């Protein structure tokens, strides 16, 4: 079932794909001390069209919303992911930016970010793994998954998600969510990996 939108309380709205992205951006906004952005979870990538159609009809949308950012995973094709979001915006009669990170000069302004970096394949987990790439435990995790490939007929399907969960399981106090991981100081927010994401939310 498509998630219901949250009552509009802030002039800047950030639409994200799923609960993990919701948790991640909640932590990031707190880290960079941005309070005027409200997060909306639109669910899965196939639910964005329906969510936007409902959201633009929400009480106060056209009066209160100054900017609208949308974030989704690139998966296997960042260009296709961008076009998918663009098509959803157009179908909802909302302004469509010409490229990722661009903020339209419209009412409301719109912008799109495609994880991990608007250019390569991957997802939110890709960003988080890159941020901890130099952690010594990653060598152990790589060895572990190389072993799984040899021993299992069907290794984990979503390998980056599995890598990230294994990394989190290596912590002394295992966090249950990405938000809890952030509260425990696991993500190095000063990593260059997060710079383009910070730029995106600051532009909103």
N, C-alpha and C. Protein backbone atom coordinates (compact mmCIF):
# COMPACT_ATOMS: atom_id res chain seq x y z
N UNK A 1 0.83 -1.20 0.00
CA UNK A 1 0.00 0.00 0.00
C UNK A 1 0.87 1.25 0.00
N UNK A 2 0.52 2.21 -0.84
CA UNK A 2 1.28 3.45 -0.94
C UNK A 2 1.17 4.25 0.37
N UNK A 3 2.28 4.74 0.92
CA UNK A 3 2.21 5.53 2.15
C UNK A 3 1.39 6.80 1.96
N UNK A 4 0.68 7.20 3.00
CA UNK A 4 -0.07 8.45 2.96
C UNK A 4 0.89 9.61 3.21
N UNK A 5 0.63 10.74 2.58
CA UNK A 5 1.50 11.90 2.81
C UNK A 5 1.24 12.45 4.21
N UNK A 6 2.28 13.10 4.73
CA UNK A 6 2.17 13.76 6.02
C UNK A 6 1.63 15.17 5.81
N UNK A 7 0.84 15.64 6.74
CA UNK A 7 0.29 16.99 6.63
C UNK A 7 1.41 18.00 6.41
N UNK A 8 1.22 18.86 5.44
CA UNK A 8 2.25 19.83 5.08
C UNK A 8 2.45 20.85 6.20
N UNK A 9 3.65 20.88 6.74
CA UNK A 9 3.97 21.78 7.85
C UNK A 9 5.11 22.74 7.53
N UNK A 10 5.89 22.42 6.47
CA UNK A 10 7.06 23.23 6.16
C UNK A 10 7.08 23.60 4.68
N UNK A 11 7.73 24.69 4.33
CA UNK A 11 7.70 25.18 2.94
C UNK A 11 8.56 24.37 1.97
N UNK A 12 9.46 23.56 2.51
CA UNK A 12 10.35 22.77 1.65
C UNK A 12 10.07 21.29 1.90
N UNK A 13 9.71 20.59 0.85
CA UNK A 13 9.30 19.20 0.97
C UNK A 13 10.32 18.29 0.27
N UNK A 14 10.71 17.21 0.96
CA UNK A 14 11.68 16.27 0.42
C UNK A 14 11.02 14.90 0.34
N UNK A 15 10.82 14.41 -0.87
CA UNK A 15 10.18 13.11 -1.10
C UNK A 15 11.25 12.05 -1.29
N UNK A 16 11.20 11.01 -0.46
CA UNK A 16 12.25 10.00 -0.49
C UNK A 16 11.65 8.60 -0.68
N UNK A 17 12.50 7.68 -1.13
CA UNK A 17 12.08 6.33 -1.48
C UNK A 17 12.29 5.36 -0.32
N UNK A 18 11.24 5.12 0.46
CA UNK A 18 11.28 4.11 1.49
C UNK A 18 11.71 4.59 2.87
N UNK A 19 11.54 3.72 3.84
CA UNK A 19 11.79 4.06 5.24
C UNK A 19 13.27 4.26 5.55
N UNK A 20 14.16 3.52 4.87
CA UNK A 20 15.59 3.70 5.11
C UNK A 20 16.05 5.10 4.68
N UNK A 21 15.59 5.54 3.51
CA UNK A 21 15.93 6.89 3.05
C UNK A 21 15.32 7.94 3.97
N UNK A 22 14.11 7.67 4.46
CA UNK A 22 13.46 8.56 5.43
C UNK A 22 14.34 8.71 6.66
N UNK A 23 14.81 7.59 7.20
CA UNK A 23 15.67 7.62 8.39
C UNK A 23 16.99 8.32 8.11
N UNK A 24 17.58 8.03 6.94
CA UNK A 24 18.86 8.63 6.58
C UNK A 24 18.76 10.15 6.52
N UNK A 25 17.75 10.65 5.81
CA UNK A 25 17.64 12.10 5.66
C UNK A 25 17.21 12.78 6.96
N UNK A 26 16.46 12.10 7.79
CA UNK A 26 16.12 12.67 9.10
C UNK A 26 17.40 12.93 9.89
N UNK A 27 18.31 11.96 9.84
CA UNK A 27 19.58 12.10 10.56
C UNK A 27 20.46 13.16 9.92
N UNK A 28 20.50 13.19 8.60
CA UNK A 28 21.35 14.16 7.91
C UNK A 28 20.86 15.59 8.13
N UNK A 29 19.56 15.81 8.06
CA UNK A 29 19.02 17.15 8.29
C UNK A 29 19.35 17.63 9.71
N UNK A 30 19.30 16.71 10.65
CA UNK A 30 19.66 17.06 12.03
C UNK A 30 21.13 17.40 12.11
N UNK A 31 21.97 16.63 11.41
CA UNK A 31 23.41 16.84 11.45
C UNK A 31 23.80 18.21 10.89
N UNK A 32 23.16 18.63 9.80
CA UNK A 32 23.51 19.90 9.16
C UNK A 32 22.63 21.05 9.65
N UNK A 33 21.78 20.75 10.64
CA UNK A 33 20.96 21.77 11.30
C UNK A 33 20.02 22.49 10.33
N UNK A 34 19.35 21.72 9.47
CA UNK A 34 18.33 22.27 8.59
C UNK A 34 16.97 21.86 9.13
N UNK A 35 16.14 22.85 9.44
CA UNK A 35 14.86 22.58 10.09
C UNK A 35 13.65 22.90 9.22
N UNK A 36 13.87 23.55 8.07
CA UNK A 36 12.72 23.98 7.27
C UNK A 36 12.33 22.98 6.19
N UNK A 37 12.97 21.80 6.20
CA UNK A 37 12.63 20.75 5.23
C UNK A 37 11.82 19.66 5.92
N UNK A 38 10.72 19.29 5.30
CA UNK A 38 9.89 18.19 5.80
C UNK A 38 10.03 16.99 4.86
N UNK A 39 10.21 15.83 5.45
CA UNK A 39 10.40 14.60 4.66
C UNK A 39 9.06 13.90 4.43
N UNK A 40 8.87 13.45 3.21
CA UNK A 40 7.71 12.63 2.85
C UNK A 40 8.23 11.32 2.26
N UNK A 41 7.72 10.20 2.74
CA UNK A 41 8.11 8.89 2.22
C UNK A 41 7.09 8.46 1.18
N UNK A 42 7.52 8.40 -0.11
CA UNK A 42 6.56 8.04 -1.16
C UNK A 42 6.49 6.54 -1.40
N UNK A 43 7.27 5.76 -0.65
CA UNK A 43 7.20 4.31 -0.78
C UNK A 43 8.19 3.80 -1.81
N UNK A 44 7.75 2.85 -2.65
CA UNK A 44 8.60 2.28 -3.68
C UNK A 44 8.60 3.10 -4.95
N UNK A 45 9.52 2.77 -5.86
CA UNK A 45 9.67 3.56 -7.08
C UNK A 45 8.42 3.52 -7.95
N UNK A 46 7.65 2.45 -7.85
CA UNK A 46 6.43 2.35 -8.66
C UNK A 46 5.25 3.09 -8.05
N UNK A 47 5.47 3.66 -6.87
CA UNK A 47 4.38 4.37 -6.18
C UNK A 47 4.52 5.88 -6.27
N UNK A 48 5.59 6.37 -6.88
CA UNK A 48 5.83 7.81 -6.94
C UNK A 48 4.72 8.53 -7.70
N UNK A 49 4.30 8.00 -8.83
CA UNK A 49 3.27 8.67 -9.63
C UNK A 49 2.00 8.89 -8.82
N UNK A 50 1.53 7.83 -8.18
CA UNK A 50 0.31 7.94 -7.39
C UNK A 50 0.48 8.86 -6.20
N UNK A 51 1.66 8.80 -5.57
CA UNK A 51 1.91 9.66 -4.41
C UNK A 51 1.89 11.14 -4.82
N UNK A 52 2.58 11.46 -5.92
CA UNK A 52 2.61 12.85 -6.38
C UNK A 52 1.22 13.36 -6.75
N UNK A 53 0.44 12.51 -7.37
CA UNK A 53 -0.91 12.91 -7.76
C UNK A 53 -1.75 13.27 -6.54
N UNK A 54 -1.59 12.51 -5.44
CA UNK A 54 -2.31 12.82 -4.21
C UNK A 54 -1.70 14.01 -3.49
N UNK A 55 -0.37 14.04 -3.46
CA UNK A 55 0.32 15.06 -2.69
C UNK A 55 0.05 16.47 -3.23
N UNK A 56 0.01 16.60 -4.55
CA UNK A 56 -0.23 17.94 -5.11
C UNK A 56 -1.64 18.44 -4.82
N UNK A 57 -2.53 17.53 -4.41
CA UNK A 57 -3.89 17.91 -4.04
C UNK A 57 -4.04 18.13 -2.53
N UNK A 58 -2.96 17.95 -1.79
CA UNK A 58 -3.01 18.09 -0.34
C UNK A 58 -3.33 19.53 0.06
N UNK A 59 -4.11 19.71 1.12
CA UNK A 59 -4.41 21.07 1.59
C UNK A 59 -3.12 21.85 1.85
N UNK A 60 -3.03 23.03 1.26
CA UNK A 60 -1.88 23.90 1.48
C UNK A 60 -0.72 23.67 0.53
N UNK A 61 -0.82 22.67 -0.37
CA UNK A 61 0.32 22.39 -1.23
C UNK A 61 0.70 23.60 -2.07
N UNK A 62 -0.23 24.14 -2.82
CA UNK A 62 0.11 25.22 -3.75
C UNK A 62 0.34 26.55 -3.04
N UNK A 63 -0.17 26.69 -1.83
CA UNK A 63 0.02 27.92 -1.07
C UNK A 63 1.30 27.90 -0.24
N UNK A 64 1.67 26.73 0.28
CA UNK A 64 2.74 26.66 1.25
C UNK A 64 4.05 26.11 0.72
N UNK A 65 3.99 25.22 -0.25
CA UNK A 65 5.22 24.55 -0.71
C UNK A 65 6.01 25.45 -1.65
N UNK A 66 7.22 25.81 -1.23
CA UNK A 66 8.10 26.65 -2.04
C UNK A 66 9.03 25.80 -2.91
N UNK A 67 9.48 24.69 -2.38
CA UNK A 67 10.38 23.82 -3.15
C UNK A 67 10.08 22.37 -2.83
N UNK A 68 10.36 21.52 -3.84
CA UNK A 68 10.05 20.10 -3.74
C UNK A 68 11.23 19.30 -4.31
N UNK A 69 11.87 18.52 -3.46
CA UNK A 69 12.97 17.67 -3.90
C UNK A 69 12.54 16.21 -3.89
N UNK A 70 13.01 15.45 -4.87
CA UNK A 70 12.70 14.03 -4.95
C UNK A 70 13.99 13.24 -5.05
N UNK A 71 14.10 12.19 -4.23
CA UNK A 71 15.29 11.35 -4.20
C UNK A 71 14.89 9.90 -4.44
N UNK A 72 15.60 9.23 -5.34
CA UNK A 72 15.39 7.79 -5.52
C UNK A 72 16.72 7.13 -5.90
N UNK A 73 16.74 5.81 -5.85
CA UNK A 73 17.94 5.06 -6.19
C UNK A 73 18.11 4.96 -7.70
N UNK A 74 19.37 4.94 -8.13
CA UNK A 74 19.66 4.72 -9.54
C UNK A 74 19.41 3.28 -9.93
N UNK A 75 19.61 2.36 -8.98
CA UNK A 75 19.59 0.93 -9.28
C UNK A 75 20.62 0.64 -10.39
N UNK A 76 20.19 0.16 -11.54
CA UNK A 76 21.14 -0.21 -12.59
C UNK A 76 21.32 0.86 -13.67
N UNK A 77 20.57 1.97 -13.56
CA UNK A 77 20.62 2.98 -14.63
C UNK A 77 20.23 4.35 -14.09
N UNK A 78 21.21 5.22 -13.77
CA UNK A 78 20.89 6.54 -13.22
C UNK A 78 20.10 7.42 -14.18
N UNK A 79 20.37 7.30 -15.48
CA UNK A 79 19.63 8.12 -16.46
C UNK A 79 18.17 7.71 -16.52
N UNK A 80 17.92 6.41 -16.50
CA UNK A 80 16.55 5.93 -16.52
C UNK A 80 15.82 6.32 -15.25
N UNK A 81 16.53 6.31 -14.12
CA UNK A 81 15.92 6.71 -12.85
C UNK A 81 15.53 8.18 -12.88
N UNK A 82 16.41 9.02 -13.42
CA UNK A 82 16.09 10.44 -13.53
C UNK A 82 14.89 10.66 -14.45
N UNK A 83 14.86 9.97 -15.57
CA UNK A 83 13.74 10.12 -16.50
C UNK A 83 12.44 9.64 -15.87
N UNK A 84 12.51 8.61 -15.05
CA UNK A 84 11.33 8.10 -14.38
C UNK A 84 10.73 9.15 -13.43
N UNK A 85 11.60 9.81 -12.66
CA UNK A 85 11.14 10.86 -11.74
C UNK A 85 10.61 12.05 -12.54
N UNK A 86 11.31 12.41 -13.61
CA UNK A 86 10.87 13.52 -14.45
C UNK A 86 9.48 13.25 -15.03
N UNK A 87 9.27 12.03 -15.48
CA UNK A 87 7.97 11.67 -16.04
C UNK A 87 6.88 11.77 -14.99
N UNK A 88 7.19 11.33 -13.76
CA UNK A 88 6.21 11.41 -12.68
C UNK A 88 5.86 12.86 -12.35
N UNK A 89 6.86 13.73 -12.35
CA UNK A 89 6.60 15.16 -12.11
C UNK A 89 5.71 15.74 -13.20
N UNK A 90 6.06 15.43 -14.44
CA UNK A 90 5.27 15.94 -15.56
C UNK A 90 3.84 15.45 -15.52
N UNK A 91 3.64 14.18 -15.16
CA UNK A 91 2.29 13.61 -15.10
C UNK A 91 1.46 14.29 -14.01
N UNK A 92 2.12 14.81 -12.99
CA UNK A 92 1.42 15.50 -11.90
C UNK A 92 1.32 17.00 -12.15
N UNK A 93 1.68 17.41 -13.38
CA UNK A 93 1.65 18.84 -13.74
C UNK A 93 2.53 19.70 -12.84
N UNK A 94 3.68 19.13 -12.48
CA UNK A 94 4.66 19.85 -11.68
C UNK A 94 5.89 20.15 -12.54
N UNK A 95 6.63 21.20 -12.21
CA UNK A 95 7.82 21.56 -13.00
C UNK A 95 8.84 20.43 -13.04
N UNK A 96 9.53 20.32 -14.17
CA UNK A 96 10.50 19.24 -14.37
C UNK A 96 11.89 19.84 -14.61
N UNK A 97 12.86 19.56 -13.73
CA UNK A 97 14.23 20.03 -13.96
C UNK A 97 14.86 19.30 -15.14
N UNK A 98 15.85 19.91 -15.76
CA UNK A 98 16.48 19.33 -16.93
C UNK A 98 17.56 18.32 -16.60
N UNK A 99 18.09 18.38 -15.38
CA UNK A 99 19.15 17.45 -14.98
C UNK A 99 19.17 17.35 -13.46
N UNK A 100 19.80 16.31 -12.92
CA UNK A 100 19.90 16.18 -11.46
C UNK A 100 20.58 17.39 -10.83
N UNK A 101 20.15 17.71 -9.62
CA UNK A 101 20.66 18.83 -8.81
C UNK A 101 20.15 20.19 -9.27
N UNK A 102 19.65 20.29 -10.51
CA UNK A 102 19.11 21.58 -10.95
C UNK A 102 17.86 21.92 -10.16
N UNK A 103 17.72 23.17 -9.76
CA UNK A 103 16.52 23.65 -9.07
C UNK A 103 15.77 24.59 -10.01
N UNK A 104 14.57 24.21 -10.38
CA UNK A 104 13.81 25.00 -11.34
C UNK A 104 13.43 26.37 -10.76
N UNK A 105 13.28 27.32 -11.64
CA UNK A 105 12.86 28.66 -11.24
C UNK A 105 11.35 28.79 -11.44
N UNK A 106 10.61 28.04 -10.63
CA UNK A 106 9.17 27.93 -10.79
C UNK A 106 8.49 27.97 -9.42
N UNK A 107 7.20 27.81 -9.42
CA UNK A 107 6.44 27.70 -8.18
C UNK A 107 5.59 26.44 -8.23
N UNK A 108 5.94 25.42 -7.43
CA UNK A 108 7.12 25.35 -6.56
C UNK A 108 8.37 25.02 -7.36
N UNK A 109 9.53 25.32 -6.79
CA UNK A 109 10.78 24.89 -7.39
C UNK A 109 10.91 23.38 -7.19
N UNK A 110 11.48 22.70 -8.16
CA UNK A 110 11.67 21.25 -8.03
C UNK A 110 13.12 20.87 -8.33
N UNK A 111 13.54 19.77 -7.73
CA UNK A 111 14.90 19.27 -7.93
C UNK A 111 14.90 17.76 -7.73
N UNK A 112 15.85 17.08 -8.36
CA UNK A 112 15.93 15.62 -8.31
C UNK A 112 17.35 15.20 -7.93
N UNK A 113 17.45 14.21 -7.05
CA UNK A 113 18.75 13.59 -6.73
C UNK A 113 18.61 12.09 -6.90
N UNK A 114 19.58 11.50 -7.61
CA UNK A 114 19.58 10.06 -7.85
C UNK A 114 20.76 9.43 -7.11
N UNK A 115 20.46 8.61 -6.10
CA UNK A 115 21.52 7.91 -5.38
C UNK A 115 22.23 6.93 -6.32
N UNK A 116 23.58 6.77 -6.22
CA UNK A 116 24.42 7.31 -5.15
C UNK A 116 24.99 8.71 -5.42
N UNK A 117 25.16 9.10 -6.70
CA UNK A 117 25.84 10.36 -6.99
C UNK A 117 25.35 11.02 -8.28
N UNK A 118 24.16 10.64 -8.74
CA UNK A 118 23.55 11.17 -9.97
C UNK A 118 24.21 10.66 -11.25
N UNK A 119 25.25 9.88 -11.14
CA UNK A 119 26.00 9.47 -12.34
C UNK A 119 26.22 7.96 -12.45
N UNK A 120 26.33 7.27 -11.33
CA UNK A 120 26.67 5.86 -11.36
C UNK A 120 25.53 5.00 -10.84
N UNK A 121 25.62 3.71 -11.10
CA UNK A 121 24.61 2.78 -10.61
C UNK A 121 24.73 2.62 -9.09
N UNK A 122 23.63 2.20 -8.47
CA UNK A 122 23.67 1.97 -7.04
C UNK A 122 22.46 2.51 -6.33
N UNK A 123 22.62 2.74 -5.03
CA UNK A 123 21.50 3.11 -4.18
C UNK A 123 22.01 3.79 -2.92
N UNK A 124 21.12 4.06 -1.99
CA UNK A 124 21.51 4.68 -0.73
C UNK A 124 22.60 3.86 -0.04
N UNK A 125 22.43 2.55 -0.03
CA UNK A 125 23.43 1.69 0.62
C UNK A 125 24.81 1.86 0.01
N UNK A 126 24.86 2.16 -1.29
CA UNK A 126 26.14 2.40 -1.96
C UNK A 126 26.85 3.59 -1.34
N UNK A 127 26.09 4.66 -1.09
CA UNK A 127 26.65 5.86 -0.48
C UNK A 127 27.20 5.55 0.91
N UNK A 128 26.42 4.86 1.70
CA UNK A 128 26.83 4.57 3.07
C UNK A 128 28.05 3.66 3.10
N UNK A 129 28.09 2.68 2.21
CA UNK A 129 29.27 1.81 2.15
C UNK A 129 30.51 2.58 1.72
N UNK A 130 30.35 3.50 0.79
CA UNK A 130 31.50 4.32 0.37
C UNK A 130 32.02 5.17 1.52
N UNK A 131 31.11 5.62 2.36
CA UNK A 131 31.52 6.50 3.46
C UNK A 131 32.36 5.77 4.51
N UNK A 132 32.17 4.45 4.61
CA UNK A 132 32.93 3.67 5.60
C UNK A 132 33.92 2.73 4.92
N UNK A 133 34.26 3.03 3.70
CA UNK A 133 35.11 2.14 2.89
C UNK A 133 36.46 1.88 3.54
N UNK A 134 36.97 2.85 4.31
CA UNK A 134 38.29 2.69 4.91
C UNK A 134 38.25 2.07 6.31
N UNK A 135 37.06 1.72 6.77
CA UNK A 135 36.96 1.04 8.07
C UNK A 135 37.63 -0.33 7.95
N UNK A 136 38.54 -0.69 8.87
CA UNK A 136 39.28 -1.96 8.77
C UNK A 136 38.37 -3.18 8.66
N UNK A 137 37.19 -3.13 9.23
CA UNK A 137 36.31 -4.30 9.21
C UNK A 137 35.81 -4.62 7.80
N UNK A 138 35.88 -3.65 6.89
CA UNK A 138 35.41 -3.89 5.53
C UNK A 138 36.21 -4.98 4.83
N UNK A 139 37.49 -5.12 5.20
CA UNK A 139 38.30 -6.19 4.62
C UNK A 139 37.75 -7.56 5.03
N UNK A 140 37.32 -7.66 6.28
CA UNK A 140 36.73 -8.91 6.77
C UNK A 140 35.41 -9.19 6.05
N UNK A 141 34.62 -8.15 5.85
CA UNK A 141 33.33 -8.31 5.19
C UNK A 141 33.51 -8.74 3.75
N UNK A 142 34.49 -8.16 3.07
CA UNK A 142 34.76 -8.55 1.69
C UNK A 142 35.14 -10.03 1.61
N UNK A 143 35.98 -10.47 2.55
CA UNK A 143 36.38 -11.88 2.59
C UNK A 143 35.17 -12.78 2.84
N UNK A 144 34.31 -12.33 3.72
CA UNK A 144 33.11 -13.10 4.06
C UNK A 144 32.23 -13.30 2.83
N UNK A 145 32.00 -12.23 2.07
CA UNK A 145 31.11 -12.35 0.92
C UNK A 145 31.78 -13.10 -0.24
N UNK A 146 33.09 -13.01 -0.33
CA UNK A 146 33.79 -13.84 -1.32
C UNK A 146 33.62 -15.31 -1.00
N UNK A 147 33.63 -15.63 0.29
CA UNK A 147 33.41 -17.00 0.73
C UNK A 147 31.98 -17.44 0.41
N UNK A 148 31.01 -16.56 0.63
CA UNK A 148 29.62 -16.90 0.34
C UNK A 148 29.43 -17.22 -1.15
N UNK A 149 30.10 -16.46 -1.99
CA UNK A 149 29.98 -16.71 -3.43
C UNK A 149 30.47 -18.10 -3.80
N UNK A 150 31.48 -18.56 -3.08
CA UNK A 150 32.03 -19.88 -3.36
C UNK A 150 31.17 -21.01 -2.79
N UNK A 151 30.56 -20.74 -1.64
CA UNK A 151 29.87 -21.80 -0.91
C UNK A 151 28.37 -21.89 -1.20
N UNK A 152 27.76 -20.79 -1.60
CA UNK A 152 26.31 -20.78 -1.77
C UNK A 152 25.92 -20.83 -3.24
N UNK A 153 24.94 -21.62 -3.53
CA UNK A 153 24.42 -21.65 -4.90
C UNK A 153 23.67 -20.37 -5.21
N UNK A 154 22.99 -19.83 -4.18
CA UNK A 154 22.24 -18.58 -4.34
C UNK A 154 22.68 -17.58 -3.28
N UNK A 155 23.73 -16.82 -3.55
CA UNK A 155 24.18 -15.80 -2.58
C UNK A 155 23.15 -14.68 -2.48
N UNK A 156 23.32 -13.76 -1.52
CA UNK A 156 22.36 -12.67 -1.35
C UNK A 156 22.11 -11.92 -2.66
N UNK A 157 20.84 -11.67 -2.93
CA UNK A 157 20.46 -11.01 -4.19
C UNK A 157 20.87 -9.55 -4.19
N UNK A 158 20.56 -8.84 -3.11
CA UNK A 158 20.90 -7.42 -3.01
C UNK A 158 22.21 -7.30 -2.22
N UNK A 159 23.31 -7.44 -2.93
CA UNK A 159 24.61 -7.59 -2.30
C UNK A 159 25.03 -6.37 -1.48
N UNK A 160 24.71 -5.14 -1.96
CA UNK A 160 25.11 -3.95 -1.21
C UNK A 160 24.31 -3.81 0.08
N UNK A 161 23.04 -4.15 0.03
CA UNK A 161 22.23 -4.14 1.25
C UNK A 161 22.79 -5.15 2.25
N UNK A 162 23.17 -6.32 1.74
CA UNK A 162 23.73 -7.36 2.61
C UNK A 162 25.06 -6.90 3.21
N UNK A 163 25.91 -6.27 2.40
CA UNK A 163 27.18 -5.74 2.90
C UNK A 163 26.94 -4.74 4.03
N UNK A 164 25.98 -3.84 3.82
CA UNK A 164 25.74 -2.80 4.82
C UNK A 164 25.21 -3.40 6.12
N UNK A 165 24.28 -4.34 6.01
CA UNK A 165 23.76 -4.98 7.21
C UNK A 165 24.85 -5.73 7.97
N UNK A 166 25.77 -6.34 7.23
CA UNK A 166 26.87 -7.05 7.87
C UNK A 166 27.81 -6.07 8.56
N UNK A 167 28.04 -4.93 7.92
CA UNK A 167 28.87 -3.89 8.55
C UNK A 167 28.23 -3.42 9.85
N UNK A 168 26.93 -3.14 9.82
CA UNK A 168 26.25 -2.68 11.03
C UNK A 168 26.29 -3.74 12.12
N UNK A 169 26.21 -5.01 11.71
CA UNK A 169 26.26 -6.10 12.69
C UNK A 169 27.62 -6.22 13.35
N UNK A 170 28.64 -5.58 12.78
CA UNK A 170 29.98 -5.64 13.35
C UNK A 170 30.17 -4.65 14.49
N UNK A 171 29.21 -3.73 14.66
CA UNK A 171 29.34 -2.73 15.71
C UNK A 171 29.08 -3.35 17.08
N UNK A 172 29.68 -2.77 18.11
CA UNK A 172 29.52 -3.31 19.46
C UNK A 172 28.05 -3.30 19.88
N UNK A 173 27.35 -2.22 19.55
CA UNK A 173 25.92 -2.12 19.80
C UNK A 173 25.24 -2.06 18.44
N UNK A 174 24.64 -3.15 18.01
CA UNK A 174 24.11 -3.25 16.65
C UNK A 174 22.88 -2.35 16.49
N UNK A 175 22.94 -1.37 15.56
CA UNK A 175 21.78 -0.50 15.34
C UNK A 175 20.71 -1.21 14.51
N UNK A 176 19.46 -0.98 14.84
CA UNK A 176 18.36 -1.62 14.13
C UNK A 176 17.97 -0.88 12.86
N UNK A 177 18.23 0.41 12.82
CA UNK A 177 17.87 1.22 11.66
C UNK A 177 19.02 2.14 11.28
N UNK A 178 18.95 2.72 10.08
CA UNK A 178 19.97 3.67 9.65
C UNK A 178 19.96 4.90 10.53
N UNK A 179 18.79 5.28 11.02
CA UNK A 179 18.70 6.45 11.88
C UNK A 179 19.42 6.19 13.20
N UNK A 180 19.20 5.01 13.77
CA UNK A 180 19.91 4.66 15.01
C UNK A 180 21.41 4.61 14.76
N UNK A 181 21.80 4.10 13.59
CA UNK A 181 23.22 4.07 13.24
C UNK A 181 23.79 5.48 13.24
N UNK A 182 23.02 6.43 12.72
CA UNK A 182 23.48 7.82 12.70
C UNK A 182 23.59 8.37 14.11
N UNK A 183 22.61 8.06 14.95
CA UNK A 183 22.64 8.53 16.34
C UNK A 183 23.84 7.97 17.09
N UNK A 184 24.29 6.77 16.68
CA UNK A 184 25.46 6.16 17.32
C UNK A 184 26.77 6.69 16.74
N UNK A 185 26.68 7.59 15.77
CA UNK A 185 27.89 8.17 15.20
C UNK A 185 28.61 7.28 14.21
N UNK A 186 27.89 6.33 13.62
CA UNK A 186 28.54 5.39 12.70
C UNK A 186 28.87 6.04 11.36
N UNK A 187 28.02 6.92 10.85
CA UNK A 187 28.28 7.53 9.55
C UNK A 187 29.19 8.74 9.69
N UNK A 188 30.29 8.77 8.95
CA UNK A 188 31.22 9.91 9.01
C UNK A 188 30.70 11.06 8.15
N UNK A 189 29.89 11.93 8.72
CA UNK A 189 29.20 12.96 7.94
C UNK A 189 30.15 13.91 7.22
N UNK A 190 31.39 13.98 7.66
CA UNK A 190 32.35 14.85 6.99
C UNK A 190 32.97 14.21 5.75
N UNK A 191 32.61 12.98 5.45
CA UNK A 191 33.15 12.30 4.28
C UNK A 191 32.74 13.03 3.00
N UNK A 192 33.65 13.14 2.02
CA UNK A 192 33.31 13.76 0.73
C UNK A 192 32.15 13.06 0.02
N UNK A 193 31.89 11.81 0.39
CA UNK A 193 30.80 11.05 -0.22
C UNK A 193 29.47 11.76 -0.06
N UNK A 194 29.31 12.48 1.04
CA UNK A 194 28.03 13.12 1.33
C UNK A 194 27.89 14.53 0.77
N UNK A 195 28.95 15.06 0.15
CA UNK A 195 28.94 16.46 -0.25
C UNK A 195 27.85 16.80 -1.26
N UNK A 196 27.66 15.95 -2.29
CA UNK A 196 26.64 16.26 -3.30
C UNK A 196 25.24 16.18 -2.71
N UNK A 197 25.05 15.31 -1.74
CA UNK A 197 23.75 15.19 -1.07
C UNK A 197 23.48 16.42 -0.23
N UNK A 198 24.51 16.88 0.48
CA UNK A 198 24.36 18.11 1.26
C UNK A 198 24.07 19.30 0.38
N UNK A 199 24.72 19.36 -0.79
CA UNK A 199 24.48 20.43 -1.73
C UNK A 199 23.03 20.42 -2.18
N UNK A 200 22.52 19.25 -2.46
CA UNK A 200 21.13 19.09 -2.90
C UNK A 200 20.15 19.64 -1.88
N UNK A 201 20.30 19.23 -0.61
CA UNK A 201 19.33 19.68 0.39
C UNK A 201 19.52 21.16 0.74
N UNK A 202 20.75 21.66 0.66
CA UNK A 202 20.96 23.09 0.92
C UNK A 202 20.33 23.95 -0.16
N UNK A 203 20.34 23.46 -1.41
CA UNK A 203 19.73 24.23 -2.50
C UNK A 203 18.21 24.30 -2.38
N UNK A 204 17.61 23.27 -1.77
CA UNK A 204 16.17 23.30 -1.61
C UNK A 204 15.72 24.51 -0.81
